[in-house]
Amino acid sequence: MSFQGYLKTIKTKTGKGPEDFRQLAREKGFTSEGVLKSEVKAGEITKWLAEDFSLGQGHAMAIYALLKGTKNENSD
């Protein structure tokens, strides 16, 4: 699945897009000034997304990549 495919499926399943998850991550204390805090690990993000949104590993890792800055809304 392409990165855009992951984002589309996440939006369909949760009703939330990348900016929504960035805001939620800020509220949870995972990010600071738009950057994922260095002490926040992928496992914390995937656990949060599984518990709160029932996202599987692949979809949660797509959100992690967004928060980490390795991918963005225009990535393939």
PDB file of N, CA and C in Angstrom:
ATOM      1  N   MET A   1       0.851  -1.172   0.000  1.00  0.00           N
ATOM      2  CA  MET A   1       0.000   0.000   0.000  1.00  0.00           C
ATOM      3  C   MET A   1       0.897   1.236   0.000  1.00  0.00           C
ATOM      4  N   SER A   2       0.530   2.226  -0.777  1.00  0.00           N
ATOM      5  CA  SER A   2       1.297   3.473  -0.805  1.00  0.00           C
ATOM      6  C   SER A   2       1.026   4.277   0.467  1.00  0.00           C
ATOM      7  N   PHE A   3       1.899   5.222   0.732  1.00  0.00           N
ATOM      8  CA  PHE A   3       1.704   6.068   1.900  1.00  0.00           C
ATOM      9  C   PHE A   3       0.380   6.818   1.794  1.00  0.00           C
ATOM     10  N   GLN A   4       0.056   7.294   0.602  1.00  0.00           N
ATOM     11  CA  GLN A   4      -1.220   7.994   0.395  1.00  0.00           C
ATOM     12  C   GLN A   4      -2.395   7.055   0.655  1.00  0.00           C
ATOM     13  N   GLY A   5      -2.226   5.784   0.300  1.00  0.00           N
ATOM     14  CA  GLY A   5      -3.266   4.792   0.581  1.00  0.00           C
ATOM     15  C   GLY A   5      -3.488   4.626   2.074  1.00  0.00           C
ATOM     16  N   TYR A   6      -2.385   4.597   2.828  1.00  0.00           N
ATOM     17  CA  TYR A   6      -2.502   4.523   4.293  1.00  0.00           C
ATOM     18  C   TYR A   6      -3.272   5.718   4.829  1.00  0.00           C
ATOM     19  N   LEU A   7      -2.898   6.918   4.389  1.00  0.00           N
ATOM     20  CA  LEU A   7      -3.561   8.126   4.887  1.00  0.00           C
ATOM     21  C   LEU A   7      -5.049   8.133   4.553  1.00  0.00           C
ATOM     22  N   LYS A   8      -5.385   7.685   3.350  1.00  0.00           N
ATOM     23  CA  LYS A   8      -6.791   7.650   2.940  1.00  0.00           C
ATOM     24  C   LYS A   8      -7.582   6.670   3.814  1.00  0.00           C
ATOM     25  N   THR A   9      -6.997   5.499   4.050  1.00  0.00           N
ATOM     26  CA  THR A   9      -7.670   4.500   4.885  1.00  0.00           C
ATOM     27  C   THR A   9      -7.827   5.000   6.318  1.00  0.00           C
ATOM     28  N   ILE A  10      -6.800   5.649   6.844  1.00  0.00           N
ATOM     29  CA  ILE A  10      -6.853   6.200   8.203  1.00  0.00           C
ATOM     30  C   ILE A  10      -7.962   7.239   8.297  1.00  0.00           C
ATOM     31  N   LYS A  11      -8.051   8.117   7.303  1.00  0.00           N
ATOM     32  CA  LYS A  11      -9.083   9.163   7.296  1.00  0.00           C
ATOM     33  C   LYS A  11     -10.475   8.525   7.247  1.00  0.00           C
ATOM     34  N   THR A  12     -10.635   7.512   6.414  1.00  0.00           N
ATOM     35  CA  THR A  12     -11.928   6.827   6.303  1.00  0.00           C
ATOM     36  C   THR A  12     -12.307   6.162   7.623  1.00  0.00           C
ATOM     37  N   LYS A  13     -11.334   5.504   8.250  1.00  0.00           N
ATOM     38  CA  LYS A  13     -11.601   4.751   9.480  1.00  0.00           C
ATOM     39  C   LYS A  13     -11.831   5.656  10.688  1.00  0.00           C
ATOM     40  N   THR A  14     -11.049   6.750  10.783  1.00  0.00           N
ATOM     41  CA  THR A  14     -11.086   7.576  11.996  1.00  0.00           C
ATOM     42  C   THR A  14     -11.769   8.921  11.810  1.00  0.00           C
ATOM     43  N   GLY A  15     -11.892   9.360  10.563  1.00  0.00           N
ATOM     44  CA  GLY A  15     -12.426  10.693  10.302  1.00  0.00           C
ATOM     45  C   GLY A  15     -11.389  11.783  10.530  1.00  0.00           C
ATOM     46  N   LYS A  16     -10.138  11.381  10.749  1.00  0.00           N
ATOM     47  CA  LYS A  16      -9.075  12.333  11.064  1.00  0.00           C
ATOM     48  C   LYS A  16      -7.967  12.265  10.029  1.00  0.00           C
ATOM     49  N   GLY A  17      -7.419  13.454   9.729  1.00  0.00           N
ATOM     50  CA  GLY A  17      -6.321  13.562   8.790  1.00  0.00           C
ATOM     51  C   GLY A  17      -5.024  13.883   9.507  1.00  0.00           C
ATOM     52  N   PRO A  18      -3.956  14.083   8.745  1.00  0.00           N
ATOM     53  CA  PRO A  18      -2.640  14.346   9.331  1.00  0.00           C
ATOM     54  C   PRO A  18      -2.616  15.489  10.347  1.00  0.00           C
ATOM     55  N   GLU A  19      -3.236  16.597  10.028  1.00  0.00           N
ATOM     56  CA  GLU A  19      -3.201  17.732  10.960  1.00  0.00           C
ATOM     57  C   GLU A  19      -3.935  17.413  12.262  1.00  0.00           C
ATOM     58  N   ASP A  20      -5.004  16.644  12.160  1.00  0.00           N
ATOM     59  CA  ASP A  20      -5.720  16.223  13.373  1.00  0.00           C
ATOM     60  C   ASP A  20      -4.805  15.402  14.278  1.00  0.00           C
ATOM     61  N   PHE A  21      -4.055  14.467  13.683  1.00  0.00           N
ATOM     62  CA  PHE A  21      -3.157  13.638  14.486  1.00  0.00           C
ATOM     63  C   PHE A  21      -1.993  14.449  15.047  1.00  0.00           C
ATOM     64  N   ARG A  22      -1.537  15.438  14.304  1.00  0.00           N
ATOM     65  CA  ARG A  22      -0.493  16.320  14.847  1.00  0.00           C
ATOM     66  C   ARG A  22      -1.007  17.064  16.080  1.00  0.00           C
ATOM     67  N   GLN A  23      -2.239  17.555  15.999  1.00  0.00           N
ATOM     68  CA  GLN A  23      -2.836  18.267  17.132  1.00  0.00           C
ATOM     69  C   GLN A  23      -3.028  17.327  18.324  1.00  0.00           C
ATOM     70  N   LEU A  24      -3.529  16.147  18.076  1.00  0.00           N
ATOM     71  CA  LEU A  24      -3.730  15.179  19.157  1.00  0.00           C
ATOM     72  C   LEU A  24      -2.401  14.789  19.800  1.00  0.00           C
ATOM     73  N   ALA A  25      -1.369  14.626  18.999  1.00  0.00           N
ATOM     74  CA  ALA A  25      -0.043  14.287  19.534  1.00  0.00           C
ATOM     75  C   ALA A  25       0.488  15.428  20.399  1.00  0.00           C
ATOM     76  N   ARG A  26       0.229  16.666  19.991  1.00  0.00           N
ATOM     77  CA  ARG A  26       0.609  17.830  20.814  1.00  0.00           C
ATOM     78  C   ARG A  26      -0.102  17.769  22.156  1.00  0.00           C
ATOM     79  N   GLU A  27      -1.407  17.528  22.112  1.00  0.00           N
ATOM     80  CA  GLU A  27      -2.208  17.469  23.334  1.00  0.00           C
ATOM     81  C   GLU A  27      -1.753  16.339  24.260  1.00  0.00           C
ATOM     82  N   LYS A  28      -1.296  15.227  23.689  1.00  0.00           N
ATOM     83  CA  LYS A  28      -0.808  14.091  24.473  1.00  0.00           C
ATOM     84  C   LYS A  28       0.602  14.325  25.013  1.00  0.00           C
ATOM     85  N   GLY A  29       1.271  15.370  24.526  1.00  0.00           N
ATOM     86  CA  GLY A  29       2.629  15.653  24.971  1.00  0.00           C
ATOM     87  C   GLY A  29       3.703  14.895  24.215  1.00  0.00           C
ATOM     88  N   PHE A  30       3.347  14.320  23.069  1.00  0.00           N
ATOM     89  CA  PHE A  30       4.312  13.578  22.274  1.00  0.00           C
ATOM     90  C   PHE A  30       5.213  14.486  21.439  1.00  0.00           C
ATOM     91  N   THR A  31       4.731  15.688  21.139  1.00  0.00           N
ATOM     92  CA  THR A  31       5.501  16.606  20.307  1.00  0.00           C
ATOM     93  C   THR A  31       5.706  17.928  21.030  1.00  0.00           C
ATOM     94  N   SER A  32       6.696  18.641  20.558  1.00  0.00           N
ATOM     95  CA  SER A  32       6.971  19.978  21.061  1.00  0.00           C
ATOM     96  C   SER A  32       7.378  20.839  19.878  1.00  0.00           C
ATOM     97  N   GLU A  33       6.678  21.933  19.693  1.00  0.00           N
ATOM     98  CA  GLU A  33       6.930  22.847  18.573  1.00  0.00           C
ATOM     99  C   GLU A  33       6.893  22.105  17.236  1.00  0.00           C
ATOM    100  N   GLY A  34       5.953  21.190  17.113  1.00  0.00           N
ATOM    101  CA  GLY A  34       5.746  20.467  15.874  1.00  0.00           C
ATOM    102  C   GLY A  34       6.713  19.327  15.612  1.00  0.00           C
ATOM    103  N   VAL A  35       7.570  19.015  16.578  1.00  0.00           N
ATOM    104  CA  VAL A  35       8.575  17.968  16.406  1.00  0.00           C
ATOM    105  C   VAL A  35       8.351  16.876  17.454  1.00  0.00           C
ATOM    106  N   LEU A  36       8.436  15.628  17.001  1.00  0.00           N
ATOM    107  CA  LEU A  36       8.306  14.507  17.926  1.00  0.00           C
ATOM    108  C   LEU A  36       9.444  14.565  18.929  1.00  0.00           C
ATOM    109  N   LYS A  37       9.110  14.486  20.198  1.00  0.00           N
ATOM    110  CA  LYS A  37      10.141  14.518  21.240  1.00  0.00           C
ATOM    111  C   LYS A  37      11.035  13.289  21.109  1.00  0.00           C
ATOM    112  N   SER A  38      12.317  13.474  21.331  1.00  0.00           N
ATOM    113  CA  SER A  38      13.289  12.394  21.132  1.00  0.00           C
ATOM    114  C   SER A  38      13.032  11.181  22.021  1.00  0.00           C
ATOM    115  N   GLU A  39      12.451  11.408  23.185  1.00  0.00           N
ATOM    116  CA  GLU A  39      12.197  10.291  24.096  1.00  0.00           C
ATOM    117  C   GLU A  39      10.949   9.487  23.733  1.00  0.00           C
ATOM    118  N   VAL A  40      10.148   9.975  22.794  1.00  0.00           N
ATOM    119  CA  VAL A  40       8.931   9.271  22.389  1.00  0.00           C
ATOM    120  C   VAL A  40       9.293   8.227  21.341  1.00  0.00           C
ATOM    121  N   LYS A  41       8.983   6.997  21.649  1.00  0.00           N
ATOM    122  CA  LYS A  41       9.309   5.881  20.768  1.00  0.00           C
ATOM    123  C   LYS A  41       8.090   5.445  19.953  1.00  0.00           C
ATOM    124  N   ALA A  42       8.367   4.753  18.883  1.00  0.00           N
ATOM    125  CA  ALA A  42       7.309   4.286  17.987  1.00  0.00           C
ATOM    126  C   ALA A  42       6.267   3.459  18.737  1.00  0.00           C
ATOM    127  N   GLY A  43       6.718   2.636  19.673  1.00  0.00           N
ATOM    128  CA  GLY A  43       5.791   1.795  20.427  1.00  0.00           C
ATOM    129  C   GLY A  43       4.750   2.580  21.198  1.00  0.00           C
ATOM    130  N   GLU A  44       5.135   3.729  21.716  1.00  0.00           N
ATOM    131  CA  GLU A  44       4.172   4.574  22.443  1.00  0.00           C
ATOM    132  C   GLU A  44       3.090   5.099  21.506  1.00  0.00           C
ATOM    133  N   ILE A  45       3.526   5.510  20.314  1.00  0.00           N
ATOM    134  CA  ILE A  45       2.583   6.051  19.335  1.00  0.00           C
ATOM    135  C   ILE A  45       1.652   4.947  18.842  1.00  0.00           C
ATOM    136  N   THR A  46       2.210   3.781  18.504  1.00  0.00           N
ATOM    137  CA  THR A  46       1.366   2.706  17.992  1.00  0.00           C
ATOM    138  C   THR A  46       0.384   2.209  19.056  1.00  0.00           C
ATOM    139  N   LYS A  47       0.813   2.181  20.308  1.00  0.00           N
ATOM    140  CA  LYS A  47      -0.095   1.775  21.387  1.00  0.00           C
ATOM    141  C   LYS A  47      -1.246   2.770  21.524  1.00  0.00           C
ATOM    142  N   TRP A  48      -0.922   4.057  21.535  1.00  0.00           N
ATOM    143  CA  TRP A  48      -1.941   5.108  21.620  1.00  0.00           C
ATOM    144  C   TRP A  48      -2.942   4.978  20.474  1.00  0.00           C
ATOM    145  N   LEU A  49      -2.443   4.837  19.251  1.00  0.00           N
ATOM    146  CA  LEU A  49      -3.328   4.786  18.087  1.00  0.00           C
ATOM    147  C   LEU A  49      -4.157   3.509  18.044  1.00  0.00           C
ATOM    148  N   ALA A  50      -3.599   2.415  18.543  1.00  0.00           N
ATOM    149  CA  ALA A  50      -4.364   1.168  18.617  1.00  0.00           C
ATOM    150  C   ALA A  50      -5.478   1.293  19.649  1.00  0.00           C
ATOM    151  N   GLU A  51      -5.156   1.849  20.805  1.00  0.00           N
ATOM    152  CA  GLU A  51      -6.154   1.971  21.877  1.00  0.00           C
ATOM    153  C   GLU A  51      -7.245   2.980  21.557  1.00  0.00           C
ATOM    154  N   ASP A  52      -6.850   4.140  21.039  1.00  0.00           N
ATOM    155  CA  ASP A  52      -7.821   5.211  20.825  1.00  0.00           C
ATOM    156  C   ASP A  52      -8.536   5.156  19.478  1.00  0.00           C
ATOM    157  N   PHE A  53      -7.892   4.556  18.465  1.00  0.00           N
ATOM    158  CA  PHE A  53      -8.462   4.583  17.112  1.00  0.00           C
ATOM    159  C   PHE A  53      -8.534   3.222  16.440  1.00  0.00           C
ATOM    160  N   SER A  54      -8.122   2.164  17.138  1.00  0.00           N
ATOM    161  CA  SER A  54      -8.115   0.806  16.590  1.00  0.00           C
ATOM    162  C   SER A  54      -7.308   0.689  15.302  1.00  0.00           C
ATOM    163  N   LEU A  55      -6.216   1.462  15.217  1.00  0.00           N
ATOM    164  CA  LEU A  55      -5.350   1.373  14.042  1.00  0.00           C
ATOM    165  C   LEU A  55      -4.361   0.230  14.226  1.00  0.00           C
ATOM    166  N   GLY A  56      -4.133  -0.501  13.144  1.00  0.00           N
ATOM    167  CA  GLY A  56      -3.146  -1.570  13.159  1.00  0.00           C
ATOM    168  C   GLY A  56      -1.733  -1.017  13.068  1.00  0.00           C
ATOM    169  N   GLN A  57      -0.775  -1.896  13.136  1.00  0.00           N
ATOM    170  CA  GLN A  57       0.637  -1.528  13.155  1.00  0.00           C
ATOM    171  C   GLN A  57       1.046  -0.671  11.952  1.00  0.00           C
ATOM    172  N   GLY A  58       0.697  -1.096  10.748  1.00  0.00           N
ATOM    173  CA  GLY A  58       1.099  -0.366   9.544  1.00  0.00           C
ATOM    174  C   GLY A  58       0.526   1.033   9.489  1.00  0.00           C
ATOM    175  N   HIS A  59      -0.743   1.160   9.809  1.00  0.00           N
ATOM    176  CA  HIS A  59      -1.382   2.474   9.781  1.00  0.00           C
ATOM    177  C   HIS A  59      -0.849   3.370  10.892  1.00  0.00           C
ATOM    178  N   ALA A  60      -0.616   2.790  12.058  1.00  0.00           N
ATOM    179  CA  ALA A  60      -0.053   3.575  13.159  1.00  0.00           C
ATOM    180  C   ALA A  60       1.363   4.038  12.830  1.00  0.00           C
ATOM    181  N   MET A  61       2.129   3.194  12.162  1.00  0.00           N
ATOM    182  CA  MET A  61       3.487   3.588  11.785  1.00  0.00           C
ATOM    183  C   MET A  61       3.472   4.699  10.731  1.00  0.00           C
ATOM    184  N   ALA A  62       2.436   4.756   9.925  1.00  0.00           N
ATOM    185  CA  ALA A  62       2.298   5.862   8.973  1.00  0.00           C
ATOM    186  C   ALA A  62       2.119   7.176   9.735  1.00  0.00           C
ATOM    187  N   ILE A  63       1.315   7.163  10.773  1.00  0.00           N
ATOM    188  CA  ILE A  63       1.140   8.368  11.592  1.00  0.00           C
ATOM    189  C   ILE A  63       2.437   8.691  12.323  1.00  0.00           C
ATOM    190  N   TYR A  64       3.126   7.686  12.808  1.00  0.00           N
ATOM    191  CA  TYR A  64       4.431   7.906  13.449  1.00  0.00           C
ATOM    192  C   TYR A  64       5.392   8.584  12.476  1.00  0.00           C
ATOM    193  N   ALA A  65       5.424   8.130  11.230  1.00  0.00           N
ATOM    194  CA  ALA A  65       6.294   8.738  10.219  1.00  0.00           C
ATOM    195  C   ALA A  65       5.934  10.202   9.990  1.00  0.00           C
ATOM    196  N   LEU A  66       4.646  10.508  10.007  1.00  0.00           N
ATOM    197  CA  LEU A  66       4.215  11.910   9.897  1.00  0.00           C
ATOM    198  C   LEU A  66       4.718  12.733  11.076  1.00  0.00           C
ATOM    199  N   LEU A  67       4.522  12.201  12.265  1.00  0.00           N
ATOM    200  CA  LEU A  67       4.915  12.935  13.468  1.00  0.00           C
ATOM    201  C   LEU A  67       6.436  13.092  13.551  1.00  0.00           C
ATOM    202  N   LYS A  68       7.148  12.086  13.091  1.00  0.00           N
ATOM    203  CA  LYS A  68       8.609  12.122  13.131  1.00  0.00           C
ATOM    204  C   LYS A  68       9.173  13.034  12.045  1.00  0.00           C
ATOM    205  N   GLY A  69       8.389  13.251  10.986  1.00  0.00           N
ATOM    206  CA  GLY A  69       8.829  14.122   9.901  1.00  0.00           C
ATOM    207  C   GLY A  69       9.508  13.398   8.758  1.00  0.00           C
ATOM    208  N   THR A  70       9.500  12.063   8.788  1.00  0.00           N
ATOM    209  CA  THR A  70      10.100  11.325   7.674  1.00  0.00           C
ATOM    210  C   THR A  70       9.170  11.228   6.483  1.00  0.00           C
ATOM    211  N   LYS A  71       7.889  11.457   6.701  1.00  0.00           N
ATOM    212  CA  LYS A  71       6.886  11.500   5.636  1.00  0.00           C
ATOM    213  C   LYS A  71       6.010  12.724   5.864  1.00  0.00           C
ATOM    214  N   ASN A  72       5.346  13.163   4.781  1.00  0.00           N
ATOM    215  CA  ASN A  72       4.369  14.240   4.904  1.00  0.00           C
ATOM    216  C   ASN A  72       3.160  13.915   4.030  1.00  0.00           C
ATOM    217  N   GLU A  73       2.202  14.799   4.006  1.00  0.00           N
ATOM    218  CA  GLU A  73       0.959  14.557   3.278  1.00  0.00           C
ATOM    219  C   GLU A  73       1.190  14.320   1.782  1.00  0.00           C
ATOM    220  N   ASN A  74       2.313  14.762   1.244  1.00  0.00           N
ATOM    221  CA  ASN A  74       2.588  14.622  -0.191  1.00  0.00           C
ATOM    222  C   ASN A  74       3.492  13.440  -0.515  1.00  0.00           C
ATOM    223  N   SER A  75       3.905  12.684   0.485  1.00  0.00           N
ATOM    224  CA  SER A  75       4.783  11.537   0.247  1.00  0.00           C
ATOM    225  C   SER A  75       4.039  10.430  -0.486  1.00  0.00           C
ATOM    226  N   ASP A  76       4.788   9.688  -1.292  1.00  0.00           N
ATOM    227  CA  ASP A  76       4.206   8.549  -2.023  1.00  0.00           C
ATOM    228  C   ASP A  76       4.171   7.316  -1.172  1.00  0.00           C
TER     229      ASP A  76
END
